[in-house]
Amino acid sequence: MTTTWYTSPAAVAAARRMAAGGTVGDPACSLAAVGRPDPALVPRDNRIGIGSHGGYWCLIR
C-alpha cells in the first residue's frame, strides 16, 4: 500500500492551536510532535493529513 501525504487544513489548525498553547497534543491529531515527527510511528494508511506551525506538527490518519 502506498501512503499519500497531503496538507490538511484541520491538521494545520491543530498545529496552530498547539503552538499557541505551547503544548503537544490535540484531539484532531493521530500523532502530534514538536520538531519533525517520525512517520514510522504512523500506522500505514491510504492518506495521511499533515500540518505544521511554529515547529509543532499534527498528523491525521
PDB file of N, CA and C in Angstrom:
ATOM      1  N   MET A   1       0.846  -1.177   0.000  1.00  0.00           N
ATOM      2  CA  MET A   1       0.000   0.000   0.000  1.00  0.00           C
ATOM      3  C   MET A   1       0.895   1.244   0.000  1.00  0.00           C
ATOM      4  N   THR A   2       0.555   2.188  -0.837  1.00  0.00           N
ATOM      5  CA  THR A   2       1.272   3.457  -0.887  1.00  0.00           C
ATOM      6  C   THR A   2       0.479   4.489  -0.103  1.00  0.00           C
ATOM      7  N   THR A   3       1.172   5.195   0.767  1.00  0.00           N
ATOM      8  CA  THR A   3       0.530   6.241   1.560  1.00  0.00           C
ATOM      9  C   THR A   3       0.679   7.580   0.861  1.00  0.00           C
ATOM     10  N   THR A   4      -0.410   8.309   0.742  1.00  0.00           N
ATOM     11  CA  THR A   4      -0.400   9.654   0.175  1.00  0.00           C
ATOM     12  C   THR A   4      -0.410  10.656   1.319  1.00  0.00           C
ATOM     13  N   TRP A   5       0.577  11.538   1.347  1.00  0.00           N
ATOM     14  CA  TRP A   5       0.656  12.596   2.357  1.00  0.00           C
ATOM     15  C   TRP A   5       0.119  13.875   1.727  1.00  0.00           C
ATOM     16  N   TYR A   6      -0.724  14.600   2.454  1.00  0.00           N
ATOM     17  CA  TYR A   6      -1.289  15.834   1.917  1.00  0.00           C
ATOM     18  C   TYR A   6      -1.432  16.859   3.040  1.00  0.00           C
ATOM     19  N   THR A   7      -1.421  18.127   2.677  1.00  0.00           N
ATOM     20  CA  THR A   7      -1.620  19.189   3.663  1.00  0.00           C
ATOM     21  C   THR A   7      -3.095  19.238   4.027  1.00  0.00           C
ATOM     22  N   SER A   8      -3.371  19.090   5.302  1.00  0.00           N
ATOM     23  CA  SER A   8      -4.745  19.067   5.800  1.00  0.00           C
ATOM     24  C   SER A   8      -5.040  20.365   6.549  1.00  0.00           C
ATOM     25  N   PRO A   9      -6.075  21.097   6.162  1.00  0.00           N
ATOM     26  CA  PRO A   9      -6.429  22.310   6.900  1.00  0.00           C
ATOM     27  C   PRO A   9      -6.713  22.018   8.380  1.00  0.00           C
ATOM     28  N   ALA A  10      -7.323  20.869   8.673  1.00  0.00           N
ATOM     29  CA  ALA A  10      -7.604  20.511  10.069  1.00  0.00           C
ATOM     30  C   ALA A  10      -6.314  20.272  10.841  1.00  0.00           C
ATOM     31  N   ALA A  11      -5.329  19.648  10.187  1.00  0.00           N
ATOM     32  CA  ALA A  11      -4.042  19.401  10.845  1.00  0.00           C
ATOM     33  C   ALA A  11      -3.275  20.707  11.054  1.00  0.00           C
ATOM     34  N   VAL A  12      -3.344  21.604  10.087  1.00  0.00           N
ATOM     35  CA  VAL A  12      -2.685  22.916  10.233  1.00  0.00           C
ATOM     36  C   VAL A  12      -3.318  23.687  11.399  1.00  0.00           C
ATOM     37  N   ALA A  13      -4.639  23.668  11.468  1.00  0.00           N
ATOM     38  CA  ALA A  13      -5.328  24.371  12.560  1.00  0.00           C
ATOM     39  C   ALA A  13      -4.941  23.776  13.913  1.00  0.00           C
ATOM     40  N   ALA A  14      -4.828  22.463  13.988  1.00  0.00           N
ATOM     41  CA  ALA A  14      -4.430  21.815  15.242  1.00  0.00           C
ATOM     42  C   ALA A  14      -3.001  22.185  15.612  1.00  0.00           C
ATOM     43  N   ALA A  15      -2.112  22.234  14.626  1.00  0.00           N
ATOM     44  CA  ALA A  15      -0.726  22.633  14.893  1.00  0.00           C
ATOM     45  C   ALA A  15      -0.675  24.074  15.396  1.00  0.00           C
ATOM     46  N   ARG A  16      -1.500  24.935  14.852  1.00  0.00           N
ATOM     47  CA  ARG A  16      -1.560  26.325  15.321  1.00  0.00           C
ATOM     48  C   ARG A  16      -2.053  26.389  16.763  1.00  0.00           C
ATOM     49  N   ARG A  17      -3.054  25.585  17.093  1.00  0.00           N
ATOM     50  CA  ARG A  17      -3.555  25.555  18.477  1.00  0.00           C
ATOM     51  C   ARG A  17      -2.470  25.075  19.435  1.00  0.00           C
ATOM     52  N   MET A  18      -1.748  24.052  19.036  1.00  0.00           N
ATOM     53  CA  MET A  18      -0.675  23.535  19.901  1.00  0.00           C
ATOM     54  C   MET A  18       0.414  24.587  20.083  1.00  0.00           C
ATOM     55  N   ALA A  19       0.800  25.245  18.991  1.00  0.00           N
ATOM     56  CA  ALA A  19       1.843  26.271  19.073  1.00  0.00           C
ATOM     57  C   ALA A  19       1.393  27.421  19.965  1.00  0.00           C
ATOM     58  N   ALA A  20       0.134  27.824  19.830  1.00  0.00           N
ATOM     59  CA  ALA A  20      -0.390  28.925  20.642  1.00  0.00           C
ATOM     60  C   ALA A  20      -0.416  28.548  22.122  1.00  0.00           C
ATOM     61  N   GLY A  21      -0.723  27.295  22.403  1.00  0.00           N
ATOM     62  CA  GLY A  21      -0.791  26.839  23.793  1.00  0.00           C
ATOM     63  C   GLY A  21       0.528  26.349  24.346  1.00  0.00           C
ATOM     64  N   GLY A  22       1.520  26.145  23.452  1.00  0.00           N
ATOM     65  CA  GLY A  22       2.820  25.658  23.894  1.00  0.00           C
ATOM     66  C   GLY A  22       2.775  24.226  24.421  1.00  0.00           C
ATOM     67  N   THR A  23       1.815  23.439  23.930  1.00  0.00           N
ATOM     68  CA  THR A  23       1.695  22.055  24.367  1.00  0.00           C
ATOM     69  C   THR A  23       1.566  21.133  23.166  1.00  0.00           C
ATOM     70  N   VAL A  24       2.005  19.903  23.343  1.00  0.00           N
ATOM     71  CA  VAL A  24       1.888  18.894  22.300  1.00  0.00           C
ATOM     72  C   VAL A  24       0.633  18.079  22.561  1.00  0.00           C
ATOM     73  N   GLY A  25      -0.169  17.903  21.526  1.00  0.00           N
ATOM     74  CA  GLY A  25      -1.366  17.082  21.636  1.00  0.00           C
ATOM     75  C   GLY A  25      -2.604  17.882  21.315  1.00  0.00           C
ATOM     76  N   ASP A  26      -3.430  17.326  20.463  1.00  0.00           N
ATOM     77  CA  ASP A  26      -4.698  17.930  20.081  1.00  0.00           C
ATOM     78  C   ASP A  26      -5.621  16.781  19.698  1.00  0.00           C
ATOM     79  N   PRO A  27      -6.896  16.876  20.060  1.00  0.00           N
ATOM     80  CA  PRO A  27      -7.826  15.779  19.739  1.00  0.00           C
ATOM     81  C   PRO A  27      -7.910  15.451  18.247  1.00  0.00           C
ATOM     82  N   ALA A  28      -7.596  16.403  17.386  1.00  0.00           N
ATOM     83  CA  ALA A  28      -7.685  16.157  15.943  1.00  0.00           C
ATOM     84  C   ALA A  28      -6.526  15.306  15.422  1.00  0.00           C
ATOM     85  N   CYS A  29      -5.444  15.217  16.175  1.00  0.00           N
ATOM     86  CA  CYS A  29      -4.219  14.582  15.685  1.00  0.00           C
ATOM     87  C   CYS A  29      -4.124  13.106  16.069  1.00  0.00           C
ATOM     88  N   SER A  30      -3.724  12.285  15.107  1.00  0.00           N
ATOM     89  CA  SER A  30      -3.383  10.896  15.404  1.00  0.00           C
ATOM     90  C   SER A  30      -1.975  10.832  15.985  1.00  0.00           C
ATOM     91  N   LEU A  31      -1.114  11.759  15.559  1.00  0.00           N
ATOM     92  CA  LEU A  31       0.247  11.878  16.064  1.00  0.00           C
ATOM     93  C   LEU A  31       0.583  13.355  16.118  1.00  0.00           C
ATOM     94  N   ALA A  32       1.085  13.805  17.253  1.00  0.00           N
ATOM     95  CA  ALA A  32       1.488  15.202  17.418  1.00  0.00           C
ATOM     96  C   ALA A  32       2.935  15.230  17.881  1.00  0.00           C
ATOM     97  N   ALA A  33       3.667  16.266  17.463  1.00  0.00           N
ATOM     98  CA  ALA A  33       5.081  16.348  17.817  1.00  0.00           C
ATOM     99  C   ALA A  33       5.549  17.792  17.795  1.00  0.00           C
ATOM    100  N   VAL A  34       6.623  18.037  18.541  1.00  0.00           N
ATOM    101  CA  VAL A  34       7.392  19.275  18.404  1.00  0.00           C
ATOM    102  C   VAL A  34       8.653  18.869  17.673  1.00  0.00           C
ATOM    103  N   GLY A  35       9.026  19.613  16.660  1.00  0.00           N
ATOM    104  CA  GLY A  35      10.114  19.177  15.792  1.00  0.00           C
ATOM    105  C   GLY A  35       9.539  18.213  14.766  1.00  0.00           C
ATOM    106  N   ARG A  36      10.379  17.579  14.013  1.00  0.00           N
ATOM    107  CA  ARG A  36       9.900  16.692  12.943  1.00  0.00           C
ATOM    108  C   ARG A  36       9.389  15.379  13.525  1.00  0.00           C
ATOM    109  N   PRO A  37       8.150  15.006  13.191  1.00  0.00           N
ATOM    110  CA  PRO A  37       7.628  13.723  13.664  1.00  0.00           C
ATOM    111  C   PRO A  37       8.279  12.567  12.910  1.00  0.00           C
ATOM    112  N   ASP A  38       8.251  11.415  13.515  1.00  0.00           N
ATOM    113  CA  ASP A  38       8.787  10.212  12.887  1.00  0.00           C
ATOM    114  C   ASP A  38       7.649   9.502  12.160  1.00  0.00           C
ATOM    115  N   PRO A  39       7.598   9.577  10.827  1.00  0.00           N
ATOM    116  CA  PRO A  39       6.497   8.953  10.095  1.00  0.00           C
ATOM    117  C   PRO A  39       6.419   7.444  10.309  1.00  0.00           C
ATOM    118  N   ALA A  40       7.505   6.827  10.756  1.00  0.00           N
ATOM    119  CA  ALA A  40       7.491   5.391  11.011  1.00  0.00           C
ATOM    120  C   ALA A  40       6.546   5.043  12.157  1.00  0.00           C
ATOM    121  N   LEU A  41       6.193   6.026  12.993  1.00  0.00           N
ATOM    122  CA  LEU A  41       5.284   5.784  14.110  1.00  0.00           C
ATOM    123  C   LEU A  41       3.819   5.808  13.690  1.00  0.00           C
ATOM    124  N   VAL A  42       3.552   6.273  12.474  1.00  0.00           N
ATOM    125  CA  VAL A  42       2.174   6.367  11.990  1.00  0.00           C
ATOM    126  C   VAL A  42       1.814   5.057  11.305  1.00  0.00           C
ATOM    127  N   PRO A  43       0.705   4.430  11.698  1.00  0.00           N
ATOM    128  CA  PRO A  43       0.297   3.199  11.006  1.00  0.00           C
ATOM    129  C   PRO A  43       0.061   3.467   9.519  1.00  0.00           C
ATOM    130  N   ARG A  44       0.320   2.486   8.690  1.00  0.00           N
ATOM    131  CA  ARG A  44       0.102   2.631   7.248  1.00  0.00           C
ATOM    132  C   ARG A  44      -1.379   2.883   6.978  1.00  0.00           C
ATOM    133  N   ASP A  45      -1.617   3.781   6.083  1.00  0.00           N
ATOM    134  CA  ASP A  45      -2.984   4.108   5.688  1.00  0.00           C
ATOM    135  C   ASP A  45      -2.926   4.642   4.268  1.00  0.00           C
ATOM    136  N   ASN A  46      -4.080   4.810   3.651  1.00  0.00           N
ATOM    137  CA  ASN A  46      -4.118   5.326   2.285  1.00  0.00           C
ATOM    138  C   ASN A  46      -3.726   6.788   2.222  1.00  0.00           C
ATOM    139  N   ARG A  47      -4.222   7.582   3.193  1.00  0.00           N
ATOM    140  CA  ARG A  47      -3.958   9.024   3.189  1.00  0.00           C
ATOM    141  C   ARG A  47      -3.635   9.495   4.601  1.00  0.00           C
ATOM    142  N   ILE A  48      -2.630  10.346   4.702  1.00  0.00           N
ATOM    143  CA  ILE A  48      -2.249  10.956   5.975  1.00  0.00           C
ATOM    144  C   ILE A  48      -2.258  12.463   5.768  1.00  0.00           C
ATOM    145  N   GLY A  49      -3.033  13.170   6.583  1.00  0.00           N
ATOM    146  CA  GLY A  49      -3.062  14.632   6.528  1.00  0.00           C
ATOM    147  C   GLY A  49      -2.007  15.196   7.455  1.00  0.00           C
ATOM    148  N   ILE A  50      -1.258  16.173   6.986  1.00  0.00           N
ATOM    149  CA  ILE A  50      -0.217  16.779   7.810  1.00  0.00           C
ATOM    150  C   ILE A  50      -0.430  18.283   7.907  1.00  0.00           C
ATOM    151  N   GLY A  51       0.075  18.843   9.004  1.00  0.00           N
ATOM    152  CA  GLY A  51       0.045  20.288   9.190  1.00  0.00           C
ATOM    153  C   GLY A  51       1.107  20.673  10.188  1.00  0.00           C
ATOM    154  N   SER A  52       1.700  21.835  10.001  1.00  0.00           N
ATOM    155  CA  SER A  52       2.715  22.305  10.945  1.00  0.00           C
ATOM    156  C   SER A  52       2.573  23.802  11.156  1.00  0.00           C
ATOM    157  N   HIS A  53       3.046  24.225  12.312  1.00  0.00           N
ATOM    158  CA  HIS A  53       3.063  25.653  12.641  1.00  0.00           C
ATOM    159  C   HIS A  53       4.001  25.843  13.823  1.00  0.00           C
ATOM    160  N   GLY A  54       4.955  26.734  13.674  1.00  0.00           N
ATOM    161  CA  GLY A  54       5.854  27.066  14.777  1.00  0.00           C
ATOM    162  C   GLY A  54       6.604  25.878  15.361  1.00  0.00           C
ATOM    163  N   GLY A  55       6.933  24.899  14.523  1.00  0.00           N
ATOM    164  CA  GLY A  55       7.667  23.732  14.999  1.00  0.00           C
ATOM    165  C   GLY A  55       6.781  22.612  15.524  1.00  0.00           C
ATOM    166  N   TYR A  56       5.482  22.845  15.601  1.00  0.00           N
ATOM    167  CA  TYR A  56       4.534  21.818  16.036  1.00  0.00           C
ATOM    168  C   TYR A  56       3.945  21.141  14.805  1.00  0.00           C
ATOM    169  N   TRP A  57       3.793  19.816  14.892  1.00  0.00           N
ATOM    170  CA  TRP A  57       3.276  19.038  13.776  1.00  0.00           C
ATOM    171  C   TRP A  57       2.079  18.243  14.212  1.00  0.00           C
ATOM    172  N   CYS A  58       1.130  18.090  13.301  1.00  0.00           N
ATOM    173  CA  CYS A  58      -0.048  17.268  13.525  1.00  0.00           C
ATOM    174  C   CYS A  58      -0.221  16.361  12.315  1.00  0.00           C
ATOM    175  N   LEU A  59      -0.369  15.085  12.552  1.00  0.00           N
ATOM    176  CA  LEU A  59      -0.662  14.122  11.500  1.00  0.00           C
ATOM    177  C   LEU A  59      -2.024  13.517  11.788  1.00  0.00           C
ATOM    178  N   ILE A  60      -2.877  13.489  10.773  1.00  0.00           N
ATOM    179  CA  ILE A  60      -4.224  12.951  10.914  1.00  0.00           C
ATOM    180  C   ILE A  60      -4.344  11.737   9.999  1.00  0.00           C
ATOM    181  N   ARG A  61      -4.687  10.664  10.576  1.00  0.00           N
ATOM    182  CA  ARG A  61      -4.827   9.416   9.840  1.00  0.00           C
ATOM    183  C   ARG A  61      -6.225   9.237   9.355  1.00  0.00           C
TER     184      ARG A  61
END
